[in-house]
Amino acid sequence: MTKQTNKPARAAKPAVAAIAPETNATVTTTAVADGKMAKAKVIFDECMAQSPVPARKDILARFQSEAGCTKAGAGTYLQILKGRAGLVQHKAKPASTESASA
C-alpha cells in the first residue's frame, strides 16, 4: 500500500533569459543565481583579492552573516570554492603494493 498525499507536485524552477550587454548574446540562468552559493562566491572573490588574504575564520564568518550560511554550510562552500579556484592540494593516492607470489 502506498501513502498518498494531497501536496501538489513541485514545479521546476523556470530559466530566465537575459541578454549580455557586451555581446548581445542570450545568456540563460536559473532562478537560483542569487542563492547562498552565488553570494558566497562574491564574498570569496572579494577576500581572495585582498592582500593579505583574510583568515579562514573571517571568511567563514562573512559567509554566515552575509550569505546566510550555517556554520557547516559555510565551511563546505569555502572548500568547494577553494577547489574550483585550484587552491586545494589533494593528497596523492598511495601506490598499490601488490605482492607477486609465485
PDB file of N, CA and C in Angstrom:
ATOM      1  N   MET A   1       0.844  -1.175   0.000  1.00  0.00           N
ATOM      2  CA  MET A   1       0.000   0.000   0.000  1.00  0.00           C
ATOM      3  C   MET A   1       0.891   1.241   0.000  1.00  0.00           C
ATOM      4  N   THR A   2       0.619   2.182  -0.888  1.00  0.00           N
ATOM      5  CA  THR A   2       1.412   3.404  -0.956  1.00  0.00           C
ATOM      6  C   THR A   2       0.673   4.532  -0.277  1.00  0.00           C
ATOM      7  N   LYS A   3       1.436   5.403   0.321  1.00  0.00           N
ATOM      8  CA  LYS A   3       0.861   6.543   1.024  1.00  0.00           C
ATOM      9  C   LYS A   3       0.611   7.666   0.023  1.00  0.00           C
ATOM     10  N   GLN A   4      -0.583   8.195   0.021  1.00  0.00           N
ATOM     11  CA  GLN A   4      -0.920   9.275  -0.888  1.00  0.00           C
ATOM     12  C   GLN A   4      -1.029  10.570  -0.110  1.00  0.00           C
ATOM     13  N   THR A   5      -0.534  11.636  -0.705  1.00  0.00           N
ATOM     14  CA  THR A   5      -0.637  12.941  -0.070  1.00  0.00           C
ATOM     15  C   THR A   5      -1.385  13.881  -0.994  1.00  0.00           C
ATOM     16  N   ASN A   6      -1.854  14.949  -0.436  1.00  0.00           N
ATOM     17  CA  ASN A   6      -2.584  15.943  -1.216  1.00  0.00           C
ATOM     18  C   ASN A   6      -1.693  17.098  -1.643  1.00  0.00           C
ATOM     19  N   LYS A   7      -0.379  16.933  -1.482  1.00  0.00           N
ATOM     20  CA  LYS A   7       0.533  18.004  -1.856  1.00  0.00           C
ATOM     21  C   LYS A   7       0.670  18.054  -3.373  1.00  0.00           C
ATOM     22  N   PRO A   8       0.688  19.259  -3.937  1.00  0.00           N
ATOM     23  CA  PRO A   8       0.899  19.361  -5.383  1.00  0.00           C
ATOM     24  C   PRO A   8       2.346  19.035  -5.727  1.00  0.00           C
ATOM     25  N   ALA A   9       2.569  18.589  -6.931  1.00  0.00           N
ATOM     26  CA  ALA A   9       3.927  18.264  -7.386  1.00  0.00           C
ATOM     27  C   ALA A   9       4.741  19.545  -7.490  1.00  0.00           C
ATOM     28  N   ARG A  10       6.054  19.445  -7.190  1.00  0.00           N
ATOM     29  CA  ARG A  10       6.919  20.611  -7.272  1.00  0.00           C
ATOM     30  C   ARG A  10       7.187  20.952  -8.734  1.00  0.00           C
ATOM     31  N   ALA A  11       7.058  22.193  -9.053  1.00  0.00           N
ATOM     32  CA  ALA A  11       7.343  22.645 -10.415  1.00  0.00           C
ATOM     33  C   ALA A  11       8.828  22.944 -10.547  1.00  0.00           C
ATOM     34  N   ALA A  12       9.369  22.733 -11.704  1.00  0.00           N
ATOM     35  CA  ALA A  12      10.774  23.040 -11.954  1.00  0.00           C
ATOM     36  C   ALA A  12      10.970  24.546 -11.932  1.00  0.00           C
ATOM     37  N   LYS A  13      12.152  24.965 -11.497  1.00  0.00           N
ATOM     38  CA  LYS A  13      12.428  26.393 -11.468  1.00  0.00           C
ATOM     39  C   LYS A  13      12.581  26.895 -12.899  1.00  0.00           C
ATOM     40  N   PRO A  14      11.928  27.995 -13.218  1.00  0.00           N
ATOM     41  CA  PRO A  14      11.985  28.490 -14.591  1.00  0.00           C
ATOM     42  C   PRO A  14      13.345  29.085 -14.911  1.00  0.00           C
ATOM     43  N   ALA A  15      13.765  28.941 -16.138  1.00  0.00           N
ATOM     44  CA  ALA A  15      15.011  29.549 -16.598  1.00  0.00           C
ATOM     45  C   ALA A  15      14.716  30.983 -16.999  1.00  0.00           C
ATOM     46  N   VAL A  16      15.637  31.856 -16.711  1.00  0.00           N
ATOM     47  CA  VAL A  16      15.477  33.263 -17.044  1.00  0.00           C
ATOM     48  C   VAL A  16      16.478  33.603 -18.132  1.00  0.00           C
ATOM     49  N   ALA A  17      16.007  34.150 -19.212  1.00  0.00           N
ATOM     50  CA  ALA A  17      16.900  34.520 -20.309  1.00  0.00           C
ATOM     51  C   ALA A  17      17.234  35.997 -20.188  1.00  0.00           C
ATOM     52  N   ALA A  18      18.492  36.321 -20.369  1.00  0.00           N
ATOM     53  CA  ALA A  18      18.934  37.710 -20.325  1.00  0.00           C
ATOM     54  C   ALA A  18      19.890  37.936 -21.475  1.00  0.00           C
ATOM     55  N   ILE A  19      20.011  39.157 -21.886  1.00  0.00           N
ATOM     56  CA  ILE A  19      20.923  39.473 -22.978  1.00  0.00           C
ATOM     57  C   ILE A  19      22.152  40.140 -22.384  1.00  0.00           C
ATOM     58  N   ALA A  20      23.304  39.554 -22.656  1.00  0.00           N
ATOM     59  CA  ALA A  20      24.557  40.124 -22.170  1.00  0.00           C
ATOM     60  C   ALA A  20      24.811  41.418 -22.933  1.00  0.00           C
ATOM     61  N   PRO A  21      25.043  42.536 -22.223  1.00  0.00           N
ATOM     62  CA  PRO A  21      25.157  43.827 -22.902  1.00  0.00           C
ATOM     63  C   PRO A  21      26.351  43.936 -23.846  1.00  0.00           C
ATOM     64  N   GLU A  22      27.479  43.263 -23.547  1.00  0.00           N
ATOM     65  CA  GLU A  22      28.665  43.418 -24.378  1.00  0.00           C
ATOM     66  C   GLU A  22      28.543  42.665 -25.698  1.00  0.00           C
ATOM     67  N   THR A  23      27.909  41.489 -25.673  1.00  0.00           N
ATOM     68  CA  THR A  23      27.938  40.629 -26.849  1.00  0.00           C
ATOM     69  C   THR A  23      26.589  40.487 -27.551  1.00  0.00           C
ATOM     70  N   ASN A  24      25.535  40.987 -26.966  1.00  0.00           N
ATOM     71  CA  ASN A  24      24.177  40.807 -27.460  1.00  0.00           C
ATOM     72  C   ASN A  24      23.809  39.332 -27.585  1.00  0.00           C
ATOM     73  N   ALA A  25      24.472  38.492 -26.798  1.00  0.00           N
ATOM     74  CA  ALA A  25      24.184  37.059 -26.800  1.00  0.00           C
ATOM     75  C   ALA A  25      23.209  36.766 -25.661  1.00  0.00           C
ATOM     76  N   THR A  26      22.357  35.802 -25.865  1.00  0.00           N
ATOM     77  CA  THR A  26      21.406  35.426 -24.836  1.00  0.00           C
ATOM     78  C   THR A  26      22.073  34.487 -23.851  1.00  0.00           C
ATOM     79  N   VAL A  27      21.961  34.821 -22.582  1.00  0.00           N
ATOM     80  CA  VAL A  27      22.532  34.006 -21.513  1.00  0.00           C
ATOM     81  C   VAL A  27      21.382  33.478 -20.686  1.00  0.00           C
ATOM     82  N   THR A  28      21.346  32.170 -20.445  1.00  0.00           N
ATOM     83  CA  THR A  28      20.272  31.575 -19.671  1.00  0.00           C
ATOM     84  C   THR A  28      20.790  31.220 -18.284  1.00  0.00           C
ATOM     85  N   THR A  29      20.091  31.695 -17.285  1.00  0.00           N
ATOM     86  CA  THR A  29      20.442  31.368 -15.904  1.00  0.00           C
ATOM     87  C   THR A  29      19.209  30.824 -15.219  1.00  0.00           C
ATOM     88  N   THR A  30      19.414  30.157 -14.086  1.00  0.00           N
ATOM     89  CA  THR A  30      18.268  29.653 -13.333  1.00  0.00           C
ATOM     90  C   THR A  30      17.920  30.637 -12.239  1.00  0.00           C
ATOM     91  N   ALA A  31      16.806  30.405 -11.584  1.00  0.00           N
ATOM     92  CA  ALA A  31      16.342  31.290 -10.526  1.00  0.00           C
ATOM     93  C   ALA A  31      17.216  31.207  -9.286  1.00  0.00           C
ATOM     94  N   VAL A  32      18.132  30.248  -9.215  1.00  0.00           N
ATOM     95  CA  VAL A  32      18.989  30.065  -8.047  1.00  0.00           C
ATOM     96  C   VAL A  32      20.229  30.953  -8.128  1.00  0.00           C
ATOM     97  N   ALA A  33      20.381  31.735  -9.174  1.00  0.00           N
ATOM     98  CA  ALA A  33      21.583  32.533  -9.396  1.00  0.00           C
ATOM     99  C   ALA A  33      21.881  33.479  -8.239  1.00  0.00           C
ATOM    100  N   ASP A  34      20.888  33.848  -7.469  1.00  0.00           N
ATOM    101  CA  ASP A  34      21.134  34.745  -6.344  1.00  0.00           C
ATOM    102  C   ASP A  34      21.024  33.992  -5.016  1.00  0.00           C
ATOM    103  N   GLY A  35      21.391  32.727  -5.019  1.00  0.00           N
ATOM    104  CA  GLY A  35      21.331  31.900  -3.820  1.00  0.00           C
ATOM    105  C   GLY A  35      22.558  32.066  -2.947  1.00  0.00           C
ATOM    106  N   LYS A  36      22.661  31.198  -1.957  1.00  0.00           N
ATOM    107  CA  LYS A  36      23.753  31.271  -0.996  1.00  0.00           C
ATOM    108  C   LYS A  36      25.111  31.067  -1.649  1.00  0.00           C
ATOM    109  N   MET A  37      25.211  30.107  -2.560  1.00  0.00           N
ATOM    110  CA  MET A  37      26.497  29.837  -3.199  1.00  0.00           C
ATOM    111  C   MET A  37      26.948  31.035  -4.015  1.00  0.00           C
ATOM    112  N   ALA A  38      26.028  31.687  -4.711  1.00  0.00           N
ATOM    113  CA  ALA A  38      26.392  32.860  -5.504  1.00  0.00           C
ATOM    114  C   ALA A  38      26.883  33.987  -4.602  1.00  0.00           C
ATOM    115  N   LYS A  39      26.207  34.185  -3.473  1.00  0.00           N
ATOM    116  CA  LYS A  39      26.643  35.209  -2.520  1.00  0.00           C
ATOM    117  C   LYS A  39      28.005  34.849  -1.936  1.00  0.00           C
ATOM    118  N   ALA A  40      28.189  33.575  -1.605  1.00  0.00           N
ATOM    119  CA  ALA A  40      29.465  33.122  -1.056  1.00  0.00           C
ATOM    120  C   ALA A  40      30.583  33.307  -2.076  1.00  0.00           C
ATOM    121  N   LYS A  41      30.297  33.083  -3.356  1.00  0.00           N
ATOM    122  CA  LYS A  41      31.305  33.247  -4.415  1.00  0.00           C
ATOM    123  C   LYS A  41      31.752  34.696  -4.498  1.00  0.00           C
ATOM    124  N   VAL A  42      30.816  35.626  -4.385  1.00  0.00           N
ATOM    125  CA  VAL A  42      31.163  37.043  -4.428  1.00  0.00           C
ATOM    126  C   VAL A  42      32.061  37.397  -3.240  1.00  0.00           C
ATOM    127  N   ILE A  43      31.692  36.912  -2.058  1.00  0.00           N
ATOM    128  CA  ILE A  43      32.489  37.165  -0.854  1.00  0.00           C
ATOM    129  C   ILE A  43      33.875  36.545  -1.011  1.00  0.00           C
ATOM    130  N   PHE A  44      33.928  35.313  -1.507  1.00  0.00           N
ATOM    131  CA  PHE A  44      35.197  34.601  -1.712  1.00  0.00           C
ATOM    132  C   PHE A  44      36.099  35.385  -2.659  1.00  0.00           C
ATOM    133  N   ASP A  45      35.546  35.851  -3.768  1.00  0.00           N
ATOM    134  CA  ASP A  45      36.329  36.610  -4.740  1.00  0.00           C
ATOM    135  C   ASP A  45      36.869  37.904  -4.121  1.00  0.00           C
ATOM    136  N   GLU A  46      36.040  38.571  -3.308  1.00  0.00           N
ATOM    137  CA  GLU A  46      36.486  39.790  -2.637  1.00  0.00           C
ATOM    138  C   GLU A  46      37.639  39.487  -1.686  1.00  0.00           C
ATOM    139  N   CYS A  47      37.520  38.404  -0.945  1.00  0.00           N
ATOM    140  CA  CYS A  47      38.543  38.041   0.037  1.00  0.00           C
ATOM    141  C   CYS A  47      39.848  37.653  -0.645  1.00  0.00           C
ATOM    142  N   MET A  48      39.765  36.921  -1.757  1.00  0.00           N
ATOM    143  CA  MET A  48      40.968  36.491  -2.448  1.00  0.00           C
ATOM    144  C   MET A  48      41.688  37.663  -3.111  1.00  0.00           C
ATOM    145  N   ALA A  49      40.960  38.746  -3.375  1.00  0.00           N
ATOM    146  CA  ALA A  49      41.562  39.921  -3.998  1.00  0.00           C
ATOM    147  C   ALA A  49      42.311  40.779  -2.977  1.00  0.00           C
ATOM    148  N   GLN A  50      42.031  40.553  -1.686  1.00  0.00           N
ATOM    149  CA  GLN A  50      42.679  41.340  -0.639  1.00  0.00           C
ATOM    150  C   GLN A  50      44.099  40.846  -0.405  1.00  0.00           C
ATOM    151  N   SER A  51      44.941  41.762   0.063  1.00  0.00           N
ATOM    152  CA  SER A  51      46.296  41.380   0.424  1.00  0.00           C
ATOM    153  C   SER A  51      46.570  41.911   1.820  1.00  0.00           C
ATOM    154  N   PRO A  52      46.827  41.116   2.789  1.00  0.00           N
ATOM    155  CA  PRO A  52      46.871  39.666   2.793  1.00  0.00           C
ATOM    156  C   PRO A  52      45.452  39.076   2.786  1.00  0.00           C
ATOM    157  N   VAL A  53      45.355  37.832   2.356  1.00  0.00           N
ATOM    158  CA  VAL A  53      44.064  37.138   2.315  1.00  0.00           C
ATOM    159  C   VAL A  53      43.587  36.946   3.751  1.00  0.00           C
ATOM    160  N   PRO A  54      42.320  37.261   4.041  1.00  0.00           N
ATOM    161  CA  PRO A  54      41.805  37.085   5.401  1.00  0.00           C
ATOM    162  C   PRO A  54      41.894  35.638   5.874  1.00  0.00           C
ATOM    163  N   ALA A  55      41.891  35.459   7.182  1.00  0.00           N
ATOM    164  CA  ALA A  55      41.947  34.126   7.771  1.00  0.00           C
ATOM    165  C   ALA A  55      40.664  33.360   7.435  1.00  0.00           C
ATOM    166  N   ARG A  56      40.771  32.048   7.458  1.00  0.00           N
ATOM    167  CA  ARG A  56      39.630  31.178   7.162  1.00  0.00           C
ATOM    168  C   ARG A  56      38.438  31.516   8.043  1.00  0.00           C
ATOM    169  N   LYS A  57      38.690  31.731   9.339  1.00  0.00           N
ATOM    170  CA  LYS A  57      37.582  32.006  10.268  1.00  0.00           C
ATOM    171  C   LYS A  57      36.861  33.301   9.902  1.00  0.00           C
ATOM    172  N   ASP A  58      37.594  34.281   9.360  1.00  0.00           N
ATOM    173  CA  ASP A  58      36.977  35.543   8.965  1.00  0.00           C
ATOM    174  C   ASP A  58      36.105  35.369   7.723  1.00  0.00           C
ATOM    175  N   ILE A  59      36.582  34.553   6.783  1.00  0.00           N
ATOM    176  CA  ILE A  59      35.786  34.281   5.576  1.00  0.00           C
ATOM    177  C   ILE A  59      34.524  33.511   5.955  1.00  0.00           C
ATOM    178  N   LEU A  60      34.661  32.519   6.848  1.00  0.00           N
ATOM    179  CA  LEU A  60      33.502  31.739   7.295  1.00  0.00           C
ATOM    180  C   LEU A  60      32.486  32.639   7.991  1.00  0.00           C
ATOM    181  N   ALA A  61      32.964  33.567   8.797  1.00  0.00           N
ATOM    182  CA  ALA A  61      32.058  34.487   9.493  1.00  0.00           C
ATOM    183  C   ALA A  61      31.275  35.341   8.507  1.00  0.00           C
ATOM    184  N   ARG A  62      31.940  35.782   7.440  1.00  0.00           N
ATOM    185  CA  ARG A  62      31.239  36.567   6.410  1.00  0.00           C
ATOM    186  C   ARG A  62      30.211  35.714   5.670  1.00  0.00           C
ATOM    187  N   PHE A  63      30.562  34.454   5.370  1.00  0.00           N
ATOM    188  CA  PHE A  63      29.608  33.559   4.716  1.00  0.00           C
ATOM    189  C   PHE A  63      28.358  33.414   5.581  1.00  0.00           C
ATOM    190  N   GLN A  64      28.549  33.285   6.886  1.00  0.00           N
ATOM    191  CA  GLN A  64      27.418  33.092   7.791  1.00  0.00           C
ATOM    192  C   GLN A  64      26.571  34.355   7.898  1.00  0.00           C
ATOM    193  N   SER A  65      27.224  35.508   8.040  1.00  0.00           N
ATOM    194  CA  SER A  65      26.461  36.736   8.259  1.00  0.00           C
ATOM    195  C   SER A  65      25.880  37.327   6.974  1.00  0.00           C
ATOM    196  N   GLU A  66      26.646  37.298   5.890  1.00  0.00           N
ATOM    197  CA  GLU A  66      26.201  37.958   4.660  1.00  0.00           C
ATOM    198  C   GLU A  66      25.469  37.037   3.693  1.00  0.00           C
ATOM    199  N   ALA A  67      25.872  35.759   3.628  1.00  0.00           N
ATOM    200  CA  ALA A  67      25.243  34.843   2.670  1.00  0.00           C
ATOM    201  C   ALA A  67      24.149  34.003   3.316  1.00  0.00           C
ATOM    202  N   GLY A  68      24.079  34.015   4.647  1.00  0.00           N
ATOM    203  CA  GLY A  68      23.033  33.258   5.335  1.00  0.00           C
ATOM    204  C   GLY A  68      23.345  31.778   5.472  1.00  0.00           C
ATOM    205  N   CYS A  69      24.626  31.414   5.434  1.00  0.00           N
ATOM    206  CA  CYS A  69      25.022  30.010   5.556  1.00  0.00           C
ATOM    207  C   CYS A  69      25.054  29.585   7.020  1.00  0.00           C
ATOM    208  N   THR A  70      24.879  28.291   7.242  1.00  0.00           N
ATOM    209  CA  THR A  70      25.108  27.730   8.569  1.00  0.00           C
ATOM    210  C   THR A  70      26.608  27.571   8.751  1.00  0.00           C
ATOM    211  N   LYS A  71      27.041  27.211   9.956  1.00  0.00           N
ATOM    212  CA  LYS A  71      28.463  27.021  10.212  1.00  0.00           C
ATOM    213  C   LYS A  71      29.018  25.913   9.318  1.00  0.00           C
ATOM    214  N   ALA A  72      28.313  24.792   9.242  1.00  0.00           N
ATOM    215  CA  ALA A  72      28.757  23.669   8.416  1.00  0.00           C
ATOM    216  C   ALA A  72      28.685  24.032   6.932  1.00  0.00           C
ATOM    217  N   GLY A  73      27.638  24.727   6.525  1.00  0.00           N
ATOM    218  CA  GLY A  73      27.480  25.124   5.126  1.00  0.00           C
ATOM    219  C   GLY A  73      28.559  26.091   4.687  1.00  0.00           C
ATOM    220  N   ALA A  74      28.955  26.997   5.575  1.00  0.00           N
ATOM    221  CA  ALA A  74      29.997  27.963   5.247  1.00  0.00           C
ATOM    222  C   ALA A  74      31.320  27.248   4.978  1.00  0.00           C
ATOM    223  N   GLY A  75      31.653  26.271   5.813  1.00  0.00           N
ATOM    224  CA  GLY A  75      32.885  25.505   5.616  1.00  0.00           C
ATOM    225  C   GLY A  75      32.855  24.719   4.326  1.00  0.00           C
ATOM    226  N   THR A  76      31.701  24.144   4.021  1.00  0.00           N
ATOM    227  CA  THR A  76      31.552  23.364   2.791  1.00  0.00           C
ATOM    228  C   THR A  76      31.699  24.265   1.566  1.00  0.00           C
ATOM    229  N   TYR A  77      31.020  25.406   1.575  1.00  0.00           N
ATOM    230  CA  TYR A  77      31.101  26.327   0.444  1.00  0.00           C
ATOM    231  C   TYR A  77      32.522  26.836   0.250  1.00  0.00           C
ATOM    232  N   LEU A  78      33.223  27.145   1.347  1.00  0.00           N
ATOM    233  CA  LEU A  78      34.589  27.632   1.227  1.00  0.00           C
ATOM    234  C   LEU A  78      35.483  26.575   0.595  1.00  0.00           C
ATOM    235  N   GLN A  79      35.329  25.333   1.030  1.00  0.00           N
ATOM    236  CA  GLN A  79      36.165  24.269   0.488  1.00  0.00           C
ATOM    237  C   GLN A  79      35.858  24.041  -0.999  1.00  0.00           C
ATOM    238  N   ILE A  80      34.588  24.096  -1.376  1.00  0.00           N
ATOM    239  CA  ILE A  80      34.199  23.939  -2.781  1.00  0.00           C
ATOM    240  C   ILE A  80      34.801  25.067  -3.620  1.00  0.00           C
ATOM    241  N   LEU A  81      34.687  26.297  -3.140  1.00  0.00           N
ATOM    242  CA  LEU A  81      35.191  27.436  -3.893  1.00  0.00           C
ATOM    243  C   LEU A  81      36.718  27.412  -3.998  1.00  0.00           C
ATOM    244  N   LYS A  82      37.389  26.978  -2.936  1.00  0.00           N
ATOM    245  CA  LYS A  82      38.850  26.857  -2.993  1.00  0.00           C
ATOM    246  C   LYS A  82      39.246  25.784  -4.006  1.00  0.00           C
ATOM    247  N   GLY A  83      38.499  24.695  -4.058  1.00  0.00           N
ATOM    248  CA  GLY A  83      38.783  23.646  -5.030  1.00  0.00           C
ATOM    249  C   GLY A  83      38.596  24.123  -6.453  1.00  0.00           C
ATOM    250  N   ARG A  84      37.534  24.870  -6.697  1.00  0.00           N
ATOM    251  CA  ARG A  84      37.275  25.396  -8.038  1.00  0.00           C
ATOM    252  C   ARG A  84      38.344  26.394  -8.461  1.00  0.00           C
ATOM    253  N   ALA A  85      38.908  27.111  -7.468  1.00  0.00           N
ATOM    254  CA  ALA A  85      39.936  28.101  -7.764  1.00  0.00           C
ATOM    255  C   ALA A  85      41.315  27.470  -7.877  1.00  0.00           C
ATOM    256  N   GLY A  86      41.412  26.168  -7.606  1.00  0.00           N
ATOM    257  CA  GLY A  86      42.687  25.475  -7.700  1.00  0.00           C
ATOM    258  C   GLY A  86      43.592  25.708  -6.509  1.00  0.00           C
ATOM    259  N   LEU A  87      43.014  26.058  -5.362  1.00  0.00           N
ATOM    260  CA  LEU A  87      43.807  26.356  -4.172  1.00  0.00           C
ATOM    261  C   LEU A  87      43.919  25.177  -3.218  1.00  0.00           C
ATOM    262  N   VAL A  88      43.387  24.021  -3.597  1.00  0.00           N
ATOM    263  CA  VAL A  88      43.397  22.857  -2.719  1.00  0.00           C
ATOM    264  C   VAL A  88      44.376  21.830  -3.279  1.00  0.00           C
ATOM    265  N   GLN A  89      45.275  21.377  -2.436  1.00  0.00           N
ATOM    266  CA  GLN A  89      46.211  20.325  -2.818  1.00  0.00           C
ATOM    267  C   GLN A  89      45.619  18.999  -2.371  1.00  0.00           C
ATOM    268  N   HIS A  90      45.302  18.133  -3.295  1.00  0.00           N
ATOM    269  CA  HIS A  90      44.746  16.833  -2.967  1.00  0.00           C
ATOM    270  C   HIS A  90      45.872  15.877  -2.607  1.00  0.00           C
ATOM    271  N   LYS A  91      45.618  15.012  -1.650  1.00  0.00           N
ATOM    272  CA  LYS A  91      46.604  14.014  -1.263  1.00  0.00           C
ATOM    273  C   LYS A  91      46.791  13.019  -2.400  1.00  0.00           C
ATOM    274  N   ALA A  92      48.026  12.635  -2.599  1.00  0.00           N
ATOM    275  CA  ALA A  92      48.311  11.637  -3.622  1.00  0.00           C
ATOM    276  C   ALA A  92      47.872  10.278  -3.111  1.00  0.00           C
ATOM    277  N   LYS A  93      47.295   9.489  -3.985  1.00  0.00           N
ATOM    278  CA  LYS A  93      46.876   8.147  -3.599  1.00  0.00           C
ATOM    279  C   LYS A  93      48.116   7.278  -3.455  1.00  0.00           C
ATOM    280  N   PRO A  94      48.174   6.452  -2.418  1.00  0.00           N
ATOM    281  CA  PRO A  94      49.343   5.600  -2.246  1.00  0.00           C
ATOM    282  C   PRO A  94      49.418   4.576  -3.376  1.00  0.00           C
ATOM    283  N   ALA A  95      50.640   4.286  -3.767  1.00  0.00           N
ATOM    284  CA  ALA A  95      50.847   3.305  -4.846  1.00  0.00           C
ATOM    285  C   ALA A  95      50.393   1.956  -4.341  1.00  0.00           C
ATOM    286  N   SER A  96      49.754   1.224  -5.230  1.00  0.00           N
ATOM    287  CA  SER A  96      49.274  -0.104  -4.816  1.00  0.00           C
ATOM    288  C   SER A  96      50.471  -1.014  -4.625  1.00  0.00           C
ATOM    289  N   THR A  97      50.446  -1.725  -3.539  1.00  0.00           N
ATOM    290  CA  THR A  97      51.562  -2.633  -3.222  1.00  0.00           C
ATOM    291  C   THR A  97      51.072  -4.051  -3.401  1.00  0.00           C
ATOM    292  N   GLU A  98      51.079  -4.469  -4.642  1.00  0.00           N
ATOM    293  CA  GLU A  98      50.639  -5.835  -4.926  1.00  0.00           C
ATOM    294  C   GLU A  98      51.851  -6.761  -4.773  1.00  0.00           C
ATOM    295  N   SER A  99      51.699  -7.744  -3.946  1.00  0.00           N
ATOM    296  CA  SER A  99      52.809  -8.672  -3.762  1.00  0.00           C
ATOM    297  C   SER A  99      52.687  -9.798  -4.778  1.00  0.00           C
ATOM    298  N   ALA A 100      53.743 -10.004  -5.490  1.00  0.00           N
ATOM    299  CA  ALA A 100      53.756 -11.054  -6.503  1.00  0.00           C
ATOM    300  C   ALA A 100      54.222 -12.351  -5.842  1.00  0.00           C
ATOM    301  N   SER A 101      53.311 -13.238  -5.668  1.00  0.00           N
ATOM    302  CA  SER A 101      53.694 -14.530  -5.076  1.00  0.00           C
ATOM    303  C   SER A 101      53.702 -15.585  -6.166  1.00  0.00           C
ATOM    304  N   ALA A 102      54.804 -16.305  -6.243  1.00  0.00           N
ATOM    305  CA  ALA A 102      54.934 -17.300  -7.303  1.00  0.00           C
ATOM    306  C   ALA A 102      54.833 -18.691  -6.790  1.00  0.00           C
TER     307      ALA A 102
END
